Amino acid sequence: MRTPLVQNDILRAIVHDTLATEDAPVTDVTVGTCLAAVSARYCGLASLVSHIAPGLARLQPERGALPQSTRELAATLADPGISNTDAASLAMAAVNALLPPPPEGPEHPGQSLMLGRSRGKNVAVVGHFPFVSALREVCATLWVLEKRPRPGDTDASKAPEVLPQADVVAVTGTTLVNGTLADILRHCREDAFVVMLGPTTPYAPSLFSCGIDVLAGCAVPDPAAALAGIRAGSCFKGLSGVRQTAWARPGLEV
């Protein structure tokens, strides 16, 4: 098993990465049905906790009340009081609005990486990603850990039993905002290949020290198209103006 981590230590490290970058003013905050976006140096996205966990209060930012500093908004990520709320999603979007994306790479690298690494392996996926059906075709065993399991999924409460068996682990970036990442990593084997996926994923180098091998998030080359889609209620899968890309731990060949 990996060295036990504390969720807030992970978040503080991400904030430290963000504070090391130059600040920029927040020019826009957009909240849709599935996603939040903060526009600053970049257009940063994050999945809304309220979309993932129905019943939570949805974020309603006040018009005309934009934060002045993106770094100050990003720093709220380390406030334990906002964990598992849309305020945490907004803070993560601010992180993603400051941290530079990696150089251009192939489209859909997260899915490609998972399919390439999973062939003949035991694979655990935390969250129901669109490529789960394709994974079932190539891996030896697949567990999909979900808090709201669908047919064929495994209840997330079984993670302590499942994760130590996995050679490859895919974890959604929303585990950073809903408070669950540290516990997931604690149960992964030291030699497991761990990928963080989805628009919430920050390109924070500190995550490599936490045991993540590949950060597979997104860049937003066409913010106008992406923000229009978010306002219209699009989720990431159907969003225009975005490009999926990945950043591997230094020294790791993928």
C-alpha atoms as a PDB file:
ATOM      1  CA  MET A   1       0.000   0.000   0.000  1.00  0.00           C
ATOM      2  CA  ARG A   2       1.060   3.607  -0.489  1.00  0.00           C
ATOM      3  CA  THR A   3       2.099   5.988   2.271  1.00  0.00           C
ATOM      4  CA  PRO A   4      -1.104   7.320   3.903  1.00  0.00           C
ATOM      5  CA  LEU A   5      -2.033  10.804   2.721  1.00  0.00           C
ATOM      6  CA  VAL A   6      -4.271  13.489   4.150  1.00  0.00           C
ATOM      7  CA  GLN A   7      -6.751  15.075   1.721  1.00  0.00           C
ATOM      8  CA  ASN A   8      -6.090  18.618   2.903  1.00  0.00           C
ATOM      9  CA  ASP A   9      -2.333  18.137   2.521  1.00  0.00           C
ATOM     10  CA  ILE A  10      -2.925  17.228  -1.131  1.00  0.00           C
ATOM     11  CA  LEU A  11      -5.089  20.317  -1.639  1.00  0.00           C
ATOM     12  CA  ARG A  12      -2.576  22.591   0.089  1.00  0.00           C
ATOM     13  CA  ALA A  13       0.145  21.275  -2.211  1.00  0.00           C
ATOM     14  CA  ILE A  14      -2.007  22.079  -5.258  1.00  0.00           C
ATOM     15  CA  VAL A  15      -2.616  25.569  -3.900  1.00  0.00           C
ATOM     16  CA  HIS A  16       1.150  25.963  -3.398  1.00  0.00           C
ATOM     17  CA  ASP A  17       1.697  25.032  -7.055  1.00  0.00           C
ATOM     18  CA  THR A  18      -0.886  27.623  -8.042  1.00  0.00           C
ATOM     19  CA  LEU A  19       0.529  30.399  -5.852  1.00  0.00           C
ATOM     20  CA  ALA A  20       3.887  29.868  -7.551  1.00  0.00           C
ATOM     21  CA  THR A  21       2.348  31.164 -10.803  1.00  0.00           C
ATOM     22  CA  GLU A  22       1.689  34.801 -11.619  1.00  0.00           C
ATOM     23  CA  ASP A  23      -1.748  36.034 -10.558  1.00  0.00           C
ATOM     24  CA  ALA A  24      -4.374  37.199 -13.051  1.00  0.00           C
ATOM     25  CA  PRO A  25      -7.726  38.928 -12.626  1.00  0.00           C
ATOM     26  CA  VAL A  26     -10.911  36.882 -12.887  1.00  0.00           C
ATOM     27  CA  THR A  27     -12.719  38.089 -16.004  1.00  0.00           C
ATOM     28  CA  ASP A  28     -15.691  35.721 -15.878  1.00  0.00           C
ATOM     29  CA  VAL A  29     -17.305  33.015 -13.739  1.00  0.00           C
ATOM     30  CA  THR A  30     -19.682  30.666 -15.539  1.00  0.00           C
ATOM     31  CA  VAL A  31     -21.806  28.052 -13.785  1.00  0.00           C
ATOM     32  CA  GLY A  32     -23.860  25.542 -15.729  1.00  0.00           C
ATOM     33  CA  THR A  33     -25.633  22.310 -14.900  1.00  0.00           C
ATOM     34  CA  CYS A  34     -22.542  20.086 -14.935  1.00  0.00           C
ATOM     35  CA  LEU A  35     -19.528  22.380 -14.982  1.00  0.00           C
ATOM     36  CA  ALA A  36     -18.099  25.566 -13.527  1.00  0.00           C
ATOM     37  CA  ALA A  37     -15.602  27.742 -15.401  1.00  0.00           C
ATOM     38  CA  VAL A  38     -13.301  30.530 -14.290  1.00  0.00           C
ATOM     39  CA  SER A  39     -11.783  32.753 -16.965  1.00  0.00           C
ATOM     40  CA  ALA A  40      -8.421  34.318 -16.132  1.00  0.00           C
ATOM     41  CA  ARG A  41      -5.032  33.526 -17.750  1.00  0.00           C
ATOM     42  CA  TYR A  42      -6.712  30.404 -19.093  1.00  0.00           C
ATOM     43  CA  CYS A  43     -10.283  29.164 -19.063  1.00  0.00           C
ATOM     44  CA  GLY A  44     -10.315  26.661 -16.180  1.00  0.00           C
ATOM     45  CA  LEU A  45     -13.033  24.035 -15.782  1.00  0.00           C
ATOM     46  CA  ALA A  46     -14.236  21.792 -12.976  1.00  0.00           C
ATOM     47  CA  SER A  47     -17.184  19.459 -12.539  1.00  0.00           C
ATOM     48  CA  LEU A  48     -19.841  20.688 -10.135  1.00  0.00           C
ATOM     49  CA  VAL A  49     -20.168  18.619  -6.980  1.00  0.00           C
ATOM     50  CA  SER A  50     -23.913  19.299  -7.003  1.00  0.00           C
ATOM     51  CA  HIS A  51     -24.197  17.544 -10.370  1.00  0.00           C
ATOM     52  CA  ILE A  52     -22.312  14.493  -9.115  1.00  0.00           C
ATOM     53  CA  ALA A  53     -24.162  14.350  -5.786  1.00  0.00           C
ATOM     54  CA  PRO A  54     -27.772  15.475  -6.351  1.00  0.00           C
ATOM     55  CA  GLY A  55     -29.378  17.132  -3.351  1.00  0.00           C
ATOM     56  CA  LEU A  56     -26.488  19.463  -2.580  1.00  0.00           C
ATOM     57  CA  ALA A  57     -27.103  23.176  -2.930  1.00  0.00           C
ATOM     58  CA  ARG A  58     -26.116  24.496  -6.366  1.00  0.00           C
ATOM     59  CA  LEU A  59     -23.682  27.382  -6.620  1.00  0.00           C
ATOM     60  CA  GLN A  60     -25.258  30.652  -7.733  1.00  0.00           C
ATOM     61  CA  PRO A  61     -22.522  33.306  -8.076  1.00  0.00           C
ATOM     62  CA  GLU A  62     -23.732  36.886  -7.783  1.00  0.00           C
ATOM     63  CA  ARG A  63     -23.630  38.881 -10.980  1.00  0.00           C
ATOM     64  CA  GLY A  64     -21.115  41.703 -10.902  1.00  0.00           C
ATOM     65  CA  ALA A  65     -19.323  40.262  -7.873  1.00  0.00           C
ATOM     66  CA  LEU A  66     -16.283  38.688  -9.535  1.00  0.00           C
ATOM     67  CA  PRO A  67     -13.255  37.966  -7.335  1.00  0.00           C
ATOM     68  CA  GLN A  68     -10.345  40.295  -8.098  1.00  0.00           C
ATOM     69  CA  SER A  69      -7.617  37.674  -7.708  1.00  0.00           C
ATOM     70  CA  THR A  70      -7.631  34.212  -9.280  1.00  0.00           C
ATOM     71  CA  ARG A  71      -4.930  33.086  -6.840  1.00  0.00           C
ATOM     72  CA  GLU A  72      -7.082  34.106  -3.859  1.00  0.00           C
ATOM     73  CA  LEU A  73     -10.034  32.170  -5.260  1.00  0.00           C
ATOM     74  CA  ALA A  74      -7.810  29.153  -5.944  1.00  0.00           C
ATOM     75  CA  ALA A  75      -6.428  29.285  -2.392  1.00  0.00           C
ATOM     76  CA  THR A  76      -9.893  28.605  -0.974  1.00  0.00           C
ATOM     77  CA  LEU A  77      -9.506  25.031  -2.255  1.00  0.00           C
ATOM     78  CA  ALA A  78      -7.588  24.239   0.946  1.00  0.00           C
ATOM     79  CA  ASP A  79     -10.456  25.448   3.170  1.00  0.00           C
ATOM     80  CA  PRO A  80     -11.948  22.276   4.728  1.00  0.00           C
ATOM     81  CA  GLY A  81     -15.271  24.079   5.074  1.00  0.00           C
ATOM     82  CA  ILE A  82     -15.936  24.013   1.330  1.00  0.00           C
ATOM     83  CA  SER A  83     -15.065  20.344   0.694  1.00  0.00           C
ATOM     84  CA  ASN A  84     -17.770  18.480  -1.236  1.00  0.00           C
ATOM     85  CA  THR A  85     -19.555  21.694  -2.253  1.00  0.00           C
ATOM     86  CA  ASP A  86     -19.745  23.663  -5.490  1.00  0.00           C
ATOM     87  CA  ALA A  87     -17.469  26.254  -3.866  1.00  0.00           C
ATOM     88  CA  ALA A  88     -14.705  23.632  -4.028  1.00  0.00           C
ATOM     89  CA  SER A  89     -15.481  23.122  -7.722  1.00  0.00           C
ATOM     90  CA  LEU A  90     -15.183  26.865  -8.327  1.00  0.00           C
ATOM     91  CA  ALA A  91     -11.863  26.966  -6.468  1.00  0.00           C
ATOM     92  CA  MET A  92     -10.558  24.098  -8.611  1.00  0.00           C
ATOM     93  CA  ALA A  93     -11.694  25.888 -11.766  1.00  0.00           C
ATOM     94  CA  ALA A  94      -9.630  28.865 -10.560  1.00  0.00           C
ATOM     95  CA  VAL A  95      -6.618  26.566 -10.097  1.00  0.00           C
ATOM     96  CA  ASN A  96      -7.092  25.387 -13.680  1.00  0.00           C
ATOM     97  CA  ALA A  97      -7.383  28.997 -14.852  1.00  0.00           C
ATOM     98  CA  LEU A  98      -3.803  29.652 -13.662  1.00  0.00           C
ATOM     99  CA  LEU A  99      -1.828  26.414 -14.063  1.00  0.00           C
ATOM    100  CA  PRO A 100      -0.504  26.031 -17.627  1.00  0.00           C
ATOM    101  CA  PRO A 101      -1.692  23.009 -19.601  1.00  0.00           C
ATOM    102  CA  PRO A 102       0.979  20.660 -20.976  1.00  0.00           C
ATOM    103  CA  PRO A 103       2.152  20.999 -24.589  1.00  0.00           C
ATOM    104  CA  GLU A 104      -0.238  19.841 -27.278  1.00  0.00           C
ATOM    105  CA  GLY A 105      -0.689  16.107 -27.438  1.00  0.00           C
ATOM    106  CA  PRO A 106      -3.075  13.660 -29.106  1.00  0.00           C
ATOM    107  CA  GLU A 107      -6.810  13.900 -28.630  1.00  0.00           C
ATOM    108  CA  HIS A 108      -8.411  11.660 -25.984  1.00  0.00           C
ATOM    109  CA  PRO A 109      -5.081  10.714 -24.364  1.00  0.00           C
ATOM    110  CA  GLY A 110      -6.709   9.574 -21.132  1.00  0.00           C
ATOM    111  CA  GLN A 111      -8.845   6.991 -22.898  1.00  0.00           C
ATOM    112  CA  SER A 112      -5.949   5.927 -25.133  1.00  0.00           C
ATOM    113  CA  LEU A 113      -3.610   5.573 -22.179  1.00  0.00           C
ATOM    114  CA  MET A 114      -6.113   3.519 -20.226  1.00  0.00           C
ATOM    115  CA  LEU A 115      -6.814   1.179 -23.121  1.00  0.00           C
ATOM    116  CA  GLY A 116      -3.117   0.733 -23.846  1.00  0.00           C
ATOM    117  CA  ARG A 117      -2.128   0.136 -20.219  1.00  0.00           C
ATOM    118  CA  SER A 118      -5.099  -2.069 -19.327  1.00  0.00           C
ATOM    119  CA  ARG A 119      -4.686  -4.896 -21.815  1.00  0.00           C
ATOM    120  CA  GLY A 120      -4.671  -8.158 -19.852  1.00  0.00           C
ATOM    121  CA  LYS A 121      -4.532  -6.306 -16.514  1.00  0.00           C
ATOM    122  CA  ASN A 122      -6.750  -5.997 -13.448  1.00  0.00           C
ATOM    123  CA  VAL A 123      -8.245  -2.510 -13.650  1.00  0.00           C
ATOM    124  CA  ALA A 124     -10.203  -0.381 -11.192  1.00  0.00           C
ATOM    125  CA  VAL A 125     -12.048   2.722 -12.380  1.00  0.00           C
ATOM    126  CA  VAL A 126     -13.297   5.190  -9.778  1.00  0.00           C
ATOM    127  CA  GLY A 127     -16.208   6.860 -11.527  1.00  0.00           C
ATOM    128  CA  HIS A 128     -18.226   5.729 -14.562  1.00  0.00           C
ATOM    129  CA  PHE A 129     -16.235   7.011 -17.536  1.00  0.00           C
ATOM    130  CA  PRO A 130     -17.609   6.789 -21.103  1.00  0.00           C
ATOM    131  CA  PHE A 131     -14.868   4.336 -22.156  1.00  0.00           C
ATOM    132  CA  VAL A 132     -15.769   1.677 -19.565  1.00  0.00           C
ATOM    133  CA  SER A 133     -17.326  -0.596 -22.208  1.00  0.00           C
ATOM    134  CA  ALA A 134     -14.140  -0.477 -24.300  1.00  0.00           C
ATOM    135  CA  LEU A 135     -12.053  -1.295 -21.226  1.00  0.00           C
ATOM    136  CA  ARG A 136     -14.098  -4.426 -20.558  1.00  0.00           C
ATOM    137  CA  GLU A 137     -12.999  -5.734 -23.957  1.00  0.00           C
ATOM    138  CA  VAL A 138      -9.260  -5.542 -23.220  1.00  0.00           C
ATOM    139  CA  CYS A 139      -8.630  -5.985 -19.489  1.00  0.00           C
ATOM    140  CA  ALA A 140      -8.561  -9.222 -17.489  1.00  0.00           C
ATOM    141  CA  THR A 141     -10.808  -7.884 -14.725  1.00  0.00           C
ATOM    142  CA  LEU A 142     -12.603  -4.548 -14.464  1.00  0.00           C
ATOM    143  CA  TRP A 143     -14.148  -3.007 -11.367  1.00  0.00           C
ATOM    144  CA  VAL A 144     -16.120   0.234 -11.740  1.00  0.00           C
ATOM    145  CA  LEU A 145     -16.412   1.761  -8.273  1.00  0.00           C
ATOM    146  CA  GLU A 146     -19.426   4.030  -7.942  1.00  0.00           C
ATOM    147  CA  LYS A 147     -21.286   5.681  -5.056  1.00  0.00           C
ATOM    148  CA  ARG A 148     -24.436   5.227  -7.140  1.00  0.00           C
ATOM    149  CA  PRO A 149     -23.670   1.911  -8.857  1.00  0.00           C
ATOM    150  CA  ARG A 150     -25.300   0.965 -12.133  1.00  0.00           C
ATOM    151  CA  PRO A 151     -25.756  -2.674 -13.180  1.00  0.00           C
ATOM    152  CA  GLY A 152     -22.317  -4.253 -13.360  1.00  0.00           C
ATOM    153  CA  ASP A 153     -20.696  -1.611 -11.123  1.00  0.00           C
ATOM    154  CA  THR A 154     -19.224  -2.189  -7.669  1.00  0.00           C
ATOM    155  CA  ASP A 155     -20.308  -0.081  -4.718  1.00  0.00           C
ATOM    156  CA  ALA A 156     -17.622   2.465  -3.835  1.00  0.00           C
ATOM    157  CA  SER A 157     -17.619   1.198  -0.243  1.00  0.00           C
ATOM    158  CA  LYS A 158     -15.764  -1.902  -1.569  1.00  0.00           C
ATOM    159  CA  ALA A 159     -12.750   0.198  -2.585  1.00  0.00           C
ATOM    160  CA  PRO A 160     -10.516  -1.065   0.282  1.00  0.00           C
ATOM    161  CA  GLU A 161     -11.044  -4.612  -1.017  1.00  0.00           C
ATOM    162  CA  VAL A 162     -10.835  -3.860  -4.738  1.00  0.00           C
ATOM    163  CA  LEU A 163      -8.030  -1.308  -5.133  1.00  0.00           C
ATOM    164  CA  PRO A 164      -5.204  -3.491  -3.728  1.00  0.00           C
ATOM    165  CA  GLN A 165      -5.992  -5.992  -6.510  1.00  0.00           C
ATOM    166  CA  ALA A 166      -5.720  -3.439  -9.328  1.00  0.00           C
ATOM    167  CA  ASP A 167      -2.685  -3.128 -11.613  1.00  0.00           C
ATOM    168  CA  VAL A 168      -4.163   0.014 -13.201  1.00  0.00           C
ATOM    169  CA  VAL A 169      -6.355   2.599 -11.467  1.00  0.00           C
ATOM    170  CA  ALA A 170      -8.302   5.420 -13.110  1.00  0.00           C
ATOM    171  CA  VAL A 171      -9.630   8.069 -10.760  1.00  0.00           C
ATOM    172  CA  THR A 172     -11.773  11.068 -11.616  1.00  0.00           C
ATOM    173  CA  GLY A 173     -10.432  14.531 -10.822  1.00  0.00           C
ATOM    174  CA  THR A 174     -13.608  15.223  -8.851  1.00  0.00           C
ATOM    175  CA  THR A 175     -12.105  13.171  -6.008  1.00  0.00           C
ATOM    176  CA  LEU A 176     -10.129  16.338  -5.275  1.00  0.00           C
ATOM    177  CA  VAL A 177     -13.268  18.374  -4.614  1.00  0.00           C
ATOM    178  CA  ASN A 178     -15.437  15.739  -2.933  1.00  0.00           C
ATOM    179  CA  GLY A 179     -12.815  14.793  -0.352  1.00  0.00           C
ATOM    180  CA  THR A 180     -12.118  11.187  -1.412  1.00  0.00           C
ATOM    181  CA  LEU A 181      -8.765  11.140  -3.244  1.00  0.00           C
ATOM    182  CA  ALA A 182      -6.493  10.533  -0.243  1.00  0.00           C
ATOM    183  CA  ASP A 183      -8.470   7.493   0.846  1.00  0.00           C
ATOM    184  CA  ILE A 184      -8.444   6.053  -2.675  1.00  0.00           C
ATOM    185  CA  LEU A 185      -4.675   6.464  -3.064  1.00  0.00           C
ATOM    186  CA  ARG A 186      -4.114   4.924   0.359  1.00  0.00           C
ATOM    187  CA  HIS A 187      -5.526   1.613  -0.912  1.00  0.00           C
ATOM    188  CA  CYS A 188      -3.624   1.529  -4.225  1.00  0.00           C
ATOM    189  CA  ARG A 189      -0.554  -0.676  -4.525  1.00  0.00           C
ATOM    190  CA  GLU A 190       2.828   1.042  -4.782  1.00  0.00           C
ATOM    191  CA  ASP A 191       3.327  -0.484  -8.237  1.00  0.00           C
ATOM    192  CA  ALA A 192      -0.144   0.397  -9.575  1.00  0.00           C
ATOM    193  CA  PHE A 193      -0.334   2.700 -12.591  1.00  0.00           C
ATOM    194  CA  VAL A 194      -2.629   5.561 -11.535  1.00  0.00           C
ATOM    195  CA  VAL A 195      -4.263   8.003 -13.948  1.00  0.00           C
ATOM    196  CA  MET A 196      -6.366  11.022 -12.951  1.00  0.00           C
ATOM    197  CA  LEU A 197      -8.963  11.881 -15.587  1.00  0.00           C
ATOM    198  CA  GLY A 198     -11.530  14.499 -16.446  1.00  0.00           C
ATOM    199  CA  PRO A 199     -11.918  18.272 -16.770  1.00  0.00           C
ATOM    200  CA  THR A 200     -11.443  18.868 -13.025  1.00  0.00           C
ATOM    201  CA  THR A 201      -7.916  17.400 -13.167  1.00  0.00           C
ATOM    202  CA  PRO A 202      -5.333  20.137 -12.452  1.00  0.00           C
ATOM    203  CA  TYR A 203      -1.890  20.136 -14.053  1.00  0.00           C
ATOM    204  CA  ALA A 204      -0.322  20.415 -10.606  1.00  0.00           C
ATOM    205  CA  PRO A 205       3.163  18.848 -10.354  1.00  0.00           C
ATOM    206  CA  SER A 206       2.640  18.076  -6.660  1.00  0.00           C
ATOM    207  CA  LEU A 207       0.146  15.357  -7.634  1.00  0.00           C
ATOM    208  CA  PHE A 208       3.004  13.264  -9.011  1.00  0.00           C
ATOM    209  CA  SER A 209       4.485  13.159  -5.504  1.00  0.00           C
ATOM    210  CA  CYS A 210       1.119  11.919  -4.218  1.00  0.00           C
ATOM    211  CA  GLY A 211       1.236   8.830  -6.431  1.00  0.00           C
ATOM    212  CA  ILE A 212      -0.482   9.960  -9.634  1.00  0.00           C
ATOM    213  CA  ASP A 213       1.384   8.795 -12.756  1.00  0.00           C
ATOM    214  CA  VAL A 214      -0.555  10.681 -15.434  1.00  0.00           C
ATOM    215  CA  LEU A 215      -2.736  13.796 -15.248  1.00  0.00           C
ATOM    216  CA  ALA A 216      -5.240  13.581 -18.105  1.00  0.00           C
ATOM    217  CA  GLY A 217      -7.261  16.782 -18.032  1.00  0.00           C
ATOM    218  CA  CYS A 218      -8.113  19.352 -20.669  1.00  0.00           C
ATOM    219  CA  ALA A 219      -7.181  22.647 -22.259  1.00  0.00           C
ATOM    220  CA  VAL A 220      -9.730  25.139 -23.596  1.00  0.00           C
ATOM    221  CA  PRO A 221      -8.473  26.553 -26.911  1.00  0.00           C
ATOM    222  CA  ASP A 222     -11.882  28.090 -27.740  1.00  0.00           C
ATOM    223  CA  PRO A 223     -13.264  29.588 -24.499  1.00  0.00           C
ATOM    224  CA  ALA A 224     -16.250  31.239 -26.192  1.00  0.00           C
ATOM    225  CA  ALA A 225     -17.512  27.902 -27.517  1.00  0.00           C
ATOM    226  CA  ALA A 226     -16.858  26.122 -24.219  1.00  0.00           C
ATOM    227  CA  LEU A 227     -18.589  28.773 -22.096  1.00  0.00           C
ATOM    228  CA  ALA A 228     -21.612  28.825 -24.410  1.00  0.00           C
ATOM    229  CA  GLY A 229     -21.905  25.070 -23.989  1.00  0.00           C
ATOM    230  CA  ILE A 230     -21.594  25.281 -20.211  1.00  0.00           C
ATOM    231  CA  ARG A 231     -24.302  27.948 -20.033  1.00  0.00           C
ATOM    232  CA  ALA A 232     -26.523  25.710 -22.196  1.00  0.00           C
ATOM    233  CA  GLY A 233     -26.092  22.852 -19.704  1.00  0.00           C
ATOM    234  CA  SER A 234     -23.615  20.701 -21.633  1.00  0.00           C
ATOM    235  CA  CYS A 235     -21.496  18.209 -19.726  1.00  0.00           C
ATOM    236  CA  PHE A 236     -17.883  17.678 -20.710  1.00  0.00           C
ATOM    237  CA  LYS A 237     -18.527  14.806 -23.119  1.00  0.00           C
ATOM    238  CA  GLY A 238     -20.631  17.065 -25.355  1.00  0.00           C
ATOM    239  CA  LEU A 239     -18.635  20.275 -24.871  1.00  0.00           C
ATOM    240  CA  SER A 240     -17.121  22.143 -27.818  1.00  0.00           C
ATOM    241  CA  GLY A 241     -13.991  24.264 -27.649  1.00  0.00           C
ATOM    242  CA  VAL A 242     -11.982  21.883 -25.447  1.00  0.00           C
ATOM    243  CA  ARG A 243      -9.039  19.586 -26.085  1.00  0.00           C
ATOM    244  CA  GLN A 244      -8.151  16.597 -23.943  1.00  0.00           C
ATOM    245  CA  THR A 245      -4.459  16.256 -23.179  1.00  0.00           C
ATOM    246  CA  ALA A 246      -2.200  14.558 -20.672  1.00  0.00           C
ATOM    247  CA  TRP A 247       0.959  15.106 -18.647  1.00  0.00           C
ATOM    248  CA  ALA A 248       2.986  12.122 -17.419  1.00  0.00           C
ATOM    249  CA  ARG A 249       5.161  12.022 -14.320  1.00  0.00           C
ATOM    250  CA  PRO A 250       8.710  13.064 -15.280  1.00  0.00           C
ATOM    251  CA  GLY A 251      10.732  10.041 -16.327  1.00  0.00           C
ATOM    252  CA  LEU A 252       7.665   7.935 -17.087  1.00  0.00           C
ATOM    253  CA  GLU A 253       7.230   6.666 -20.629  1.00  0.00           C
ATOM    254  CA  VAL A 254       3.600   6.367 -21.744  1.00  0.00           C
END
